[in-house]
């Protein structure tokens, strides 16, 4: 079987600024996406709190990112929260 991987035609951004999310951002992301978890919710949340080369994007534009860029943003967004939660859980049990 021959597999050929082609370059993505997704937009490329040089700089993404991400502010700390607020509860209101999560509520708005739920409204926009119609979901409370998953890629659609995450894309809506990223659209709320990120600027891409100085521009705010719509959820649909965030959904057009390459999967590599999306997962990098997701790890940045949720990685810190998950690390803090793990630390909090470990100190509450010890």
PDB file of N, CA and C in Angstrom:
ATOM      1  N   UNK A   1       0.852  -1.173   0.000  1.00  0.00           N
ATOM      2  CA  UNK A   1       0.000   0.000   0.000  1.00  0.00           C
ATOM      3  C   UNK A   1       0.897   1.235   0.000  1.00  0.00           C
ATOM      4  N   UNK A   2       0.567   2.166  -0.835  1.00  0.00           N
ATOM      5  CA  UNK A   2       1.318   3.416  -0.918  1.00  0.00           C
ATOM      6  C   UNK A   2       0.487   4.526  -0.281  1.00  0.00           C
ATOM      7  N   UNK A   3       1.102   5.241   0.651  1.00  0.00           N
ATOM      8  CA  UNK A   3       0.433   6.369   1.303  1.00  0.00           C
ATOM      9  C   UNK A   3       1.244   7.623   1.013  1.00  0.00           C
ATOM     10  N   UNK A   4       0.568   8.627   0.506  1.00  0.00           N
ATOM     11  CA  UNK A   4       1.212   9.901   0.224  1.00  0.00           C
ATOM     12  C   UNK A   4       0.573  10.972   1.089  1.00  0.00           C
ATOM     13  N   UNK A   5       1.397  11.626   1.877  1.00  0.00           N
ATOM     14  CA  UNK A   5       0.890  12.703   2.734  1.00  0.00           C
ATOM     15  C   UNK A   5       1.111  14.036   2.031  1.00  0.00           C
ATOM     16  N   UNK A   6       0.034  14.770   1.852  1.00  0.00           N
ATOM     17  CA  UNK A   6       0.111  16.066   1.185  1.00  0.00           C
ATOM     18  C   UNK A   6       0.106  17.178   2.224  1.00  0.00           C
ATOM     19  N   UNK A   7       0.720  18.259   1.894  1.00  0.00           N
ATOM     20  CA  UNK A   7       0.744  19.423   2.786  1.00  0.00           C
ATOM     21  C   UNK A   7      -0.667  19.961   2.993  1.00  0.00           C
ATOM     22  N   UNK A   8      -0.926  20.390   4.200  1.00  0.00           N
ATOM     23  CA  UNK A   8      -2.222  20.961   4.538  1.00  0.00           C
ATOM     24  C   UNK A   8      -2.382  22.327   3.880  1.00  0.00           C
ATOM     25  N   UNK A   9      -3.596  22.641   3.525  1.00  0.00           N
ATOM     26  CA  UNK A   9      -3.883  23.970   2.980  1.00  0.00           C
ATOM     27  C   UNK A   9      -4.440  24.885   4.071  1.00  0.00           C
ATOM     28  N   UNK A  10      -4.293  24.451   5.319  1.00  0.00           N
ATOM     29  CA  UNK A  10      -4.807  25.263   6.421  1.00  0.00           C
ATOM     30  C   UNK A  10      -3.990  26.543   6.552  1.00  0.00           C
ATOM     31  N   UNK A  11      -4.626  27.590   7.055  1.00  0.00           N
ATOM     32  CA  UNK A  11      -3.903  28.844   7.226  1.00  0.00           C
ATOM     33  C   UNK A  11      -2.788  28.691   8.258  1.00  0.00           C
ATOM     34  N   UNK A  12      -1.713  29.425   8.057  1.00  0.00           N
ATOM     35  CA  UNK A  12      -0.582  29.414   8.983  1.00  0.00           C
ATOM     36  C   UNK A  12      -0.490  30.786   9.657  1.00  0.00           C
ATOM     37  N   UNK A  13      -0.257  30.763  10.941  1.00  0.00           N
ATOM     38  CA  UNK A  13      -0.142  31.997  11.713  1.00  0.00           C
ATOM     39  C   UNK A  13       1.225  32.040  12.364  1.00  0.00           C
ATOM     40  N   UNK A  14       1.791  33.238  12.430  1.00  0.00           N
ATOM     41  CA  UNK A  14       3.105  33.415  13.026  1.00  0.00           C
ATOM     42  C   UNK A  14       3.036  33.538  14.537  1.00  0.00           C
ATOM     43  N   UNK A  15       1.987  34.180  15.025  1.00  0.00           N
ATOM     44  CA  UNK A  15       1.900  34.432  16.456  1.00  0.00           C
ATOM     45  C   UNK A  15       0.464  34.285  16.946  1.00  0.00           C
ATOM     46  N   UNK A  16       0.324  33.510  18.001  1.00  0.00           N
ATOM     47  CA  UNK A  16      -0.981  33.336  18.628  1.00  0.00           C
ATOM     48  C   UNK A  16      -0.844  33.810  20.071  1.00  0.00           C
ATOM     49  N   UNK A  17      -1.681  34.755  20.447  1.00  0.00           N
ATOM     50  CA  UNK A  17      -1.726  35.231  21.830  1.00  0.00           C
ATOM     51  C   UNK A  17      -2.946  34.619  22.493  1.00  0.00           C
ATOM     52  N   UNK A  18      -2.728  34.045  23.664  1.00  0.00           N
ATOM     53  CA  UNK A  18      -3.801  33.379  24.388  1.00  0.00           C
ATOM     54  C   UNK A  18      -3.881  33.979  25.784  1.00  0.00           C
ATOM     55  N   UNK A  19      -5.072  34.481  26.117  1.00  0.00           N
ATOM     56  CA  UNK A  19      -5.247  34.987  27.473  1.00  0.00           C
ATOM     57  C   UNK A  19      -5.857  33.894  28.340  1.00  0.00           C
ATOM     58  N   UNK A  20      -5.746  34.059  29.635  1.00  0.00           N
ATOM     59  CA  UNK A  20      -6.322  33.082  30.549  1.00  0.00           C
ATOM     60  C   UNK A  20      -7.837  33.077  30.380  1.00  0.00           C
ATOM     61  N   UNK A  21      -8.429  31.898  30.224  1.00  0.00           N
ATOM     62  CA  UNK A  21      -9.883  31.852  30.031  1.00  0.00           C
ATOM     63  C   UNK A  21     -10.643  32.151  31.316  1.00  0.00           C
ATOM     64  N   UNK A  22     -11.793  32.747  31.144  1.00  0.00           N
ATOM     65  CA  UNK A  22     -12.713  33.023  32.243  1.00  0.00           C
ATOM     66  C   UNK A  22     -13.881  32.045  32.153  1.00  0.00           C
ATOM     67  N   UNK A  23     -14.612  31.932  33.223  1.00  0.00           N
ATOM     68  CA  UNK A  23     -15.818  31.096  33.203  1.00  0.00           C
ATOM     69  C   UNK A  23     -16.762  31.590  32.103  1.00  0.00           C
ATOM     70  N   UNK A  24     -16.863  32.899  31.953  1.00  0.00           N
ATOM     71  CA  UNK A  24     -17.733  33.467  30.914  1.00  0.00           C
ATOM     72  C   UNK A  24     -17.320  33.005  29.518  1.00  0.00           C
ATOM     73  N   UNK A  25     -16.023  32.808  29.301  1.00  0.00           N
ATOM     74  CA  UNK A  25     -15.549  32.305  28.007  1.00  0.00           C
ATOM     75  C   UNK A  25     -16.032  30.878  27.775  1.00  0.00           C
ATOM     76  N   UNK A  26     -16.006  30.075  28.831  1.00  0.00           N
ATOM     77  CA  UNK A  26     -16.481  28.698  28.713  1.00  0.00           C
ATOM     78  C   UNK A  26     -17.979  28.655  28.433  1.00  0.00           C
ATOM     79  N   UNK A  27     -18.723  29.512  29.110  1.00  0.00           N
ATOM     80  CA  UNK A  27     -20.170  29.570  28.889  1.00  0.00           C
ATOM     81  C   UNK A  27     -20.465  29.975  27.447  1.00  0.00           C
ATOM     82  N   UNK A  28     -19.757  30.990  26.967  1.00  0.00           N
ATOM     83  CA  UNK A  28     -19.961  31.445  25.589  1.00  0.00           C
ATOM     84  C   UNK A  28     -19.551  30.367  24.588  1.00  0.00           C
ATOM     85  N   UNK A  29     -18.464  29.664  24.867  1.00  0.00           N
ATOM     86  CA  UNK A  29     -18.027  28.581  23.975  1.00  0.00           C
ATOM     87  C   UNK A  29     -19.070  27.466  23.924  1.00  0.00           C
ATOM     88  N   UNK A  30     -19.715  27.200  25.062  1.00  0.00           N
ATOM     89  CA  UNK A  30     -20.787  26.197  25.084  1.00  0.00           C
ATOM     90  C   UNK A  30     -21.958  26.644  24.225  1.00  0.00           C
ATOM     91  N   UNK A  31     -22.314  27.929  24.333  1.00  0.00           N
ATOM     92  CA  UNK A  31     -23.424  28.460  23.525  1.00  0.00           C
ATOM     93  C   UNK A  31     -23.122  28.363  22.039  1.00  0.00           C
ATOM     94  N   UNK A  32     -21.926  28.813  21.673  1.00  0.00           N
ATOM     95  CA  UNK A  32     -21.554  28.867  20.259  1.00  0.00           C
ATOM     96  C   UNK A  32     -21.442  27.473  19.661  1.00  0.00           C
ATOM     97  N   UNK A  33     -20.834  26.554  20.414  1.00  0.00           N
ATOM     98  CA  UNK A  33     -20.566  25.221  19.875  1.00  0.00           C
ATOM     99  C   UNK A  33     -21.719  24.247  20.068  1.00  0.00           C
ATOM    100  N   UNK A  34     -22.575  24.518  21.060  1.00  0.00           N
ATOM    101  CA  UNK A  34     -23.629  23.573  21.391  1.00  0.00           C
ATOM    102  C   UNK A  34     -23.092  22.332  22.084  1.00  0.00           C
ATOM    103  N   UNK A  35     -21.877  22.422  22.620  1.00  0.00           N
ATOM    104  CA  UNK A  35     -21.243  21.275  23.279  1.00  0.00           C
ATOM    105  C   UNK A  35     -20.566  21.731  24.561  1.00  0.00           C
ATOM    106  N   UNK A  36     -20.323  20.776  25.447  1.00  0.00           N
ATOM    107  CA  UNK A  36     -19.616  21.084  26.689  1.00  0.00           C
ATOM    108  C   UNK A  36     -18.225  20.470  26.712  1.00  0.00           C
ATOM    109  N   UNK A  37     -17.892  19.712  25.684  1.00  0.00           N
ATOM    110  CA  UNK A  37     -16.568  19.117  25.580  1.00  0.00           C
ATOM    111  C   UNK A  37     -16.322  18.716  24.136  1.00  0.00           C
ATOM    112  N   UNK A  38     -15.103  18.311  23.850  1.00  0.00           N
ATOM    113  CA  UNK A  38     -14.766  17.860  22.511  1.00  0.00           C
ATOM    114  C   UNK A  38     -14.163  18.970  21.665  1.00  0.00           C
ATOM    115  N   UNK A  39     -13.790  18.603  20.451  1.00  0.00           N
ATOM    116  CA  UNK A  39     -13.063  19.509  19.561  1.00  0.00           C
ATOM    117  C   UNK A  39     -13.856  20.767  19.213  1.00  0.00           C
ATOM    118  N   UNK A  40     -15.150  20.632  19.022  1.00  0.00           N
ATOM    119  CA  UNK A  40     -15.968  21.801  18.656  1.00  0.00           C
ATOM    120  C   UNK A  40     -15.984  22.812  19.804  1.00  0.00           C
ATOM    121  N   UNK A  41     -16.173  22.334  21.038  1.00  0.00           N
ATOM    122  CA  UNK A  41     -16.136  23.210  22.205  1.00  0.00           C
ATOM    123  C   UNK A  41     -14.752  23.846  22.348  1.00  0.00           C
ATOM    124  N   UNK A  42     -13.704  23.061  22.186  1.00  0.00           N
ATOM    125  CA  UNK A  42     -12.343  23.581  22.318  1.00  0.00           C
ATOM    126  C   UNK A  42     -12.051  24.645  21.269  1.00  0.00           C
ATOM    127  N   UNK A  43     -12.508  24.422  20.033  1.00  0.00           N
ATOM    128  CA  UNK A  43     -12.317  25.414  18.972  1.00  0.00           C
ATOM    129  C   UNK A  43     -13.059  26.706  19.309  1.00  0.00           C
ATOM    130  N   UNK A  44     -14.264  26.577  19.850  1.00  0.00           N
ATOM    131  CA  UNK A  44     -15.035  27.770  20.236  1.00  0.00           C
ATOM    132  C   UNK A  44     -14.339  28.513  21.365  1.00  0.00           C
ATOM    133  N   UNK A  45     -13.783  27.777  22.321  1.00  0.00           N
ATOM    134  CA  UNK A  45     -13.069  28.420  23.425  1.00  0.00           C
ATOM    135  C   UNK A  45     -11.807  29.114  22.923  1.00  0.00           C
ATOM    136  N   UNK A  46     -11.073  28.465  22.037  1.00  0.00           N
ATOM    137  CA  UNK A  46      -9.877  29.086  21.457  1.00  0.00           C
ATOM    138  C   UNK A  46     -10.234  30.360  20.699  1.00  0.00           C
ATOM    139  N   UNK A  47     -11.342  30.327  19.993  1.00  0.00           N
ATOM    140  CA  UNK A  47     -11.789  31.526  19.269  1.00  0.00           C
ATOM    141  C   UNK A  47     -12.090  32.661  20.234  1.00  0.00           C
ATOM    142  N   UNK A  48     -12.568  32.314  21.426  1.00  0.00           N
ATOM    143  CA  UNK A  48     -12.890  33.326  22.441  1.00  0.00           C
ATOM    144  C   UNK A  48     -11.650  33.981  23.031  1.00  0.00           C
ATOM    145  N   UNK A  49     -10.604  33.200  23.268  1.00  0.00           N
ATOM    146  CA  UNK A  49      -9.489  33.701  24.078  1.00  0.00           C
ATOM    147  C   UNK A  49      -8.190  33.934  23.316  1.00  0.00           C
ATOM    148  N   UNK A  50      -8.147  33.573  22.045  1.00  0.00           N
ATOM    149  CA  UNK A  50      -6.911  33.704  21.266  1.00  0.00           C
ATOM    150  C   UNK A  50      -7.041  34.765  20.183  1.00  0.00           C
ATOM    151  N   UNK A  51      -5.920  35.372  19.877  1.00  0.00           N
ATOM    152  CA  UNK A  51      -5.817  36.178  18.666  1.00  0.00           C
ATOM    153  C   UNK A  51      -4.717  35.563  17.811  1.00  0.00           C
ATOM    154  N   UNK A  52      -4.946  35.519  16.528  1.00  0.00           N
ATOM    155  CA  UNK A  52      -4.046  34.895  15.574  1.00  0.00           C
ATOM    156  C   UNK A  52      -3.478  35.992  14.686  1.00  0.00           C
ATOM    157  N   UNK A  53      -2.198  36.251  14.845  1.00  0.00           N
ATOM    158  CA  UNK A  53      -1.563  37.380  14.155  1.00  0.00           C
ATOM    159  C   UNK A  53      -2.364  38.663  14.367  1.00  0.00           C
ATOM    160  N   UNK A  54      -2.834  38.848  15.599  1.00  0.00           N
ATOM    161  CA  UNK A  54      -3.542  40.058  15.984  1.00  0.00           C
ATOM    162  C   UNK A  54      -5.017  40.088  15.651  1.00  0.00           C
ATOM    163  N   UNK A  55      -5.554  38.994  15.075  1.00  0.00           N
ATOM    164  CA  UNK A  55      -6.960  38.975  14.676  1.00  0.00           C
ATOM    165  C   UNK A  55      -7.738  37.939  15.475  1.00  0.00           C
ATOM    166  N   UNK A  56      -8.956  38.284  15.815  1.00  0.00           N
ATOM    167  CA  UNK A  56      -9.873  37.341  16.452  1.00  0.00           C
ATOM    168  C   UNK A  56     -10.481  36.476  15.350  1.00  0.00           C
ATOM    169  N   UNK A  57     -10.534  35.180  15.560  1.00  0.00           N
ATOM    170  CA  UNK A  57     -11.117  34.274  14.572  1.00  0.00           C
ATOM    171  C   UNK A  57     -12.456  33.744  15.065  1.00  0.00           C
ATOM    172  N   UNK A  58     -13.291  33.347  14.142  1.00  0.00           N
ATOM    173  CA  UNK A  58     -14.533  32.653  14.466  1.00  0.00           C
ATOM    174  C   UNK A  58     -14.210  31.184  14.718  1.00  0.00           C
ATOM    175  N   UNK A  59     -15.113  30.491  15.390  1.00  0.00           N
ATOM    176  CA  UNK A  59     -14.927  29.068  15.675  1.00  0.00           C
ATOM    177  C   UNK A  59     -14.624  28.288  14.396  1.00  0.00           C
ATOM    178  N   UNK A  60     -15.326  28.580  13.326  1.00  0.00           N
ATOM    179  CA  UNK A  60     -15.134  27.866  12.067  1.00  0.00           C
ATOM    180  C   UNK A  60     -13.723  28.077  11.512  1.00  0.00           C
ATOM    181  N   UNK A  61     -13.156  29.258  11.747  1.00  0.00           N
ATOM    182  CA  UNK A  61     -11.784  29.518  11.305  1.00  0.00           C
ATOM    183  C   UNK A  61     -10.779  28.726  12.137  1.00  0.00           C
ATOM    184  N   UNK A  62     -11.041  28.597  13.424  1.00  0.00           N
ATOM    185  CA  UNK A  62     -10.171  27.787  14.282  1.00  0.00           C
ATOM    186  C   UNK A  62     -10.264  26.324  13.855  1.00  0.00           C
ATOM    187  N   UNK A  63     -11.450  25.888  13.470  1.00  0.00           N
ATOM    188  CA  UNK A  63     -11.630  24.510  13.001  1.00  0.00           C
ATOM    189  C   UNK A  63     -10.836  24.242  11.719  1.00  0.00           C
ATOM    190  N   UNK A  64     -10.445  25.278  10.987  1.00  0.00           N
ATOM    191  CA  UNK A  64      -9.682  25.122   9.751  1.00  0.00           C
ATOM    192  C   UNK A  64      -8.179  25.001   9.997  1.00  0.00           C
ATOM    193  N   UNK A  65      -7.745  25.101  11.269  1.00  0.00           N
ATOM    194  CA  UNK A  65      -6.324  24.942  11.577  1.00  0.00           C
ATOM    195  C   UNK A  65      -5.887  23.505  11.301  1.00  0.00           C
ATOM    196  N   UNK A  66      -4.603  23.333  11.073  1.00  0.00           N
ATOM    197  CA  UNK A  66      -4.078  21.972  10.949  1.00  0.00           C
ATOM    198  C   UNK A  66      -4.226  21.273  12.291  1.00  0.00           C
ATOM    199  N   UNK A  67      -4.301  19.976  12.274  1.00  0.00           N
ATOM    200  CA  UNK A  67      -4.453  19.209  13.507  1.00  0.00           C
ATOM    201  C   UNK A  67      -3.247  19.417  14.420  1.00  0.00           C
ATOM    202  N   UNK A  68      -2.051  19.562  13.834  1.00  0.00           N
ATOM    203  CA  UNK A  68      -0.849  19.807  14.642  1.00  0.00           C
ATOM    204  C   UNK A  68      -0.959  21.132  15.391  1.00  0.00           C
ATOM    205  N   UNK A  69      -1.380  22.191  14.699  1.00  0.00           N
ATOM    206  CA  UNK A  69      -1.531  23.494  15.344  1.00  0.00           C
ATOM    207  C   UNK A  69      -2.641  23.456  16.390  1.00  0.00           C
ATOM    208  N   UNK A  70      -3.726  22.766  16.064  1.00  0.00           N
ATOM    209  CA  UNK A  70      -4.844  22.664  16.998  1.00  0.00           C
ATOM    210  C   UNK A  70      -4.415  21.973  18.292  1.00  0.00           C
ATOM    211  N   UNK A  71      -3.696  20.843  18.163  1.00  0.00           N
ATOM    212  CA  UNK A  71      -3.260  20.118  19.357  1.00  0.00           C
ATOM    213  C   UNK A  71      -2.214  20.894  20.147  1.00  0.00           C
ATOM    214  N   UNK A  72      -1.375  21.657  19.478  1.00  0.00           N
ATOM    215  CA  UNK A  72      -0.416  22.506  20.183  1.00  0.00           C
ATOM    216  C   UNK A  72      -1.149  23.557  21.015  1.00  0.00           C
ATOM    217  N   UNK A  73      -2.152  24.195  20.424  1.00  0.00           N
ATOM    218  CA  UNK A  73      -2.961  25.169  21.161  1.00  0.00           C
ATOM    219  C   UNK A  73      -3.726  24.493  22.295  1.00  0.00           C
ATOM    220  N   UNK A  74      -4.283  23.336  22.022  1.00  0.00           N
ATOM    221  CA  UNK A  74      -5.044  22.612  23.034  1.00  0.00           C
ATOM    222  C   UNK A  74      -4.158  22.253  24.215  1.00  0.00           C
ATOM    223  N   UNK A  75      -2.953  21.790  23.939  1.00  0.00           N
ATOM    224  CA  UNK A  75      -2.029  21.436  25.007  1.00  0.00           C
ATOM    225  C   UNK A  75      -1.659  22.671  25.832  1.00  0.00           C
ATOM    226  N   UNK A  76      -1.465  23.799  25.174  1.00  0.00           N
ATOM    227  CA  UNK A  76      -1.152  25.034  25.882  1.00  0.00           C
ATOM    228  C   UNK A  76      -2.331  25.479  26.730  1.00  0.00           C
ATOM    229  N   UNK A  77      -3.528  25.380  26.179  1.00  0.00           N
ATOM    230  CA  UNK A  77      -4.731  25.811  26.879  1.00  0.00           C
ATOM    231  C   UNK A  77      -5.059  24.912  28.061  1.00  0.00           C
ATOM    232  N   UNK A  78      -5.103  23.612  27.825  1.00  0.00           N
ATOM    233  CA  UNK A  78      -5.549  22.686  28.860  1.00  0.00           C
ATOM    234  C   UNK A  78      -4.407  22.042  29.638  1.00  0.00           C
ATOM    235  N   UNK A  79      -3.208  22.065  29.108  1.00  0.00           N
ATOM    236  CA  UNK A  79      -2.074  21.446  29.781  1.00  0.00           C
ATOM    237  C   UNK A  79      -1.796  22.049  31.147  1.00  0.00           C
ATOM    238  N   UNK A  80      -1.795  23.376  31.239  1.00  0.00           N
ATOM    239  CA  UNK A  80      -1.555  24.029  32.521  1.00  0.00           C
ATOM    240  C   UNK A  80      -2.649  23.734  33.526  1.00  0.00           C
ATOM    241  N   UNK A  81      -3.880  23.715  33.077  1.00  0.00           N
ATOM    242  CA  UNK A  81      -5.005  23.439  33.967  1.00  0.00           C
ATOM    243  C   UNK A  81      -4.948  22.006  34.472  1.00  0.00           C
ATOM    244  N   UNK A  82      -4.588  21.084  33.601  1.00  0.00           N
ATOM    245  CA  UNK A  82      -4.507  19.686  34.012  1.00  0.00           C
ATOM    246  C   UNK A  82      -3.357  19.457  34.978  1.00  0.00           C
ATOM    247  N   UNK A  83      -2.231  20.145  34.755  1.00  0.00           N
ATOM    248  CA  UNK A  83      -1.096  20.034  35.667  1.00  0.00           C
ATOM    249  C   UNK A  83      -1.458  20.580  37.038  1.00  0.00           C
ATOM    250  N   UNK A  84      -2.137  21.723  37.072  1.00  0.00           N
ATOM    251  CA  UNK A  84      -2.559  22.321  38.346  1.00  0.00           C
ATOM    252  C   UNK A  84      -3.549  21.414  39.071  1.00  0.00           C
ATOM    253  N   UNK A  85      -4.475  20.813  38.327  1.00  0.00           N
ATOM    254  CA  UNK A  85      -5.447  19.907  38.932  1.00  0.00           C
ATOM    255  C   UNK A  85      -4.760  18.679  39.506  1.00  0.00           C
ATOM    256  N   UNK A  86      -3.822  18.109  38.774  1.00  0.00           N
ATOM    257  CA  UNK A  86      -3.093  16.937  39.263  1.00  0.00           C
ATOM    258  C   UNK A  86      -2.330  17.275  40.546  1.00  0.00           C
ATOM    259  N   UNK A  87      -1.704  18.453  40.568  1.00  0.00           N
ATOM    260  CA  UNK A  87      -0.965  18.878  41.755  1.00  0.00           C
ATOM    261  C   UNK A  87      -1.914  19.049  42.937  1.00  0.00           C
ATOM    262  N   UNK A  88      -3.055  19.667  42.695  1.00  0.00           N
ATOM    263  CA  UNK A  88      -4.035  19.882  43.756  1.00  0.00           C
ATOM    264  C   UNK A  88      -4.551  18.546  44.304  1.00  0.00           C
ATOM    265  N   UNK A  89      -4.818  17.607  43.411  1.00  0.00           N
ATOM    266  CA  UNK A  89      -5.301  16.293  43.844  1.00  0.00           C
ATOM    267  C   UNK A  89      -4.240  15.545  44.635  1.00  0.00           C
ATOM    268  N   UNK A  90      -2.997  15.647  44.220  1.00  0.00           N
ATOM    269  CA  UNK A  90      -1.939  14.915  44.924  1.00  0.00           C
ATOM    270  C   UNK A  90      -1.692  15.488  46.319  1.00  0.00           C
ATOM    271  N   UNK A  91      -1.817  16.803  46.483  1.00  0.00           N
ATOM    272  CA  UNK A  91      -1.610  17.396  47.811  1.00  0.00           C
ATOM    273  C   UNK A  91      -2.810  17.171  48.719  1.00  0.00           C
ATOM    274  N   UNK A  92      -3.997  17.029  48.145  1.00  0.00           N
ATOM    275  CA  UNK A  92      -5.181  16.797  48.991  1.00  0.00           C
ATOM    276  C   UNK A  92      -5.245  15.363  49.493  1.00  0.00           C
ATOM    277  N   UNK A  93      -4.570  14.460  48.801  1.00  0.00           N
ATOM    278  CA  UNK A  93      -4.579  13.067  49.226  1.00  0.00           C
ATOM    279  C   UNK A  93      -3.406  12.725  50.145  1.00  0.00           C
ATOM    280  N   UNK A  94      -2.414  13.606  50.214  1.00  0.00           N
ATOM    281  CA  UNK A  94      -1.229  13.300  51.016  1.00  0.00           C
ATOM    282  C   UNK A  94      -1.201  14.039  52.266  1.00  0.00           C
TER     283      UNK A  94
END
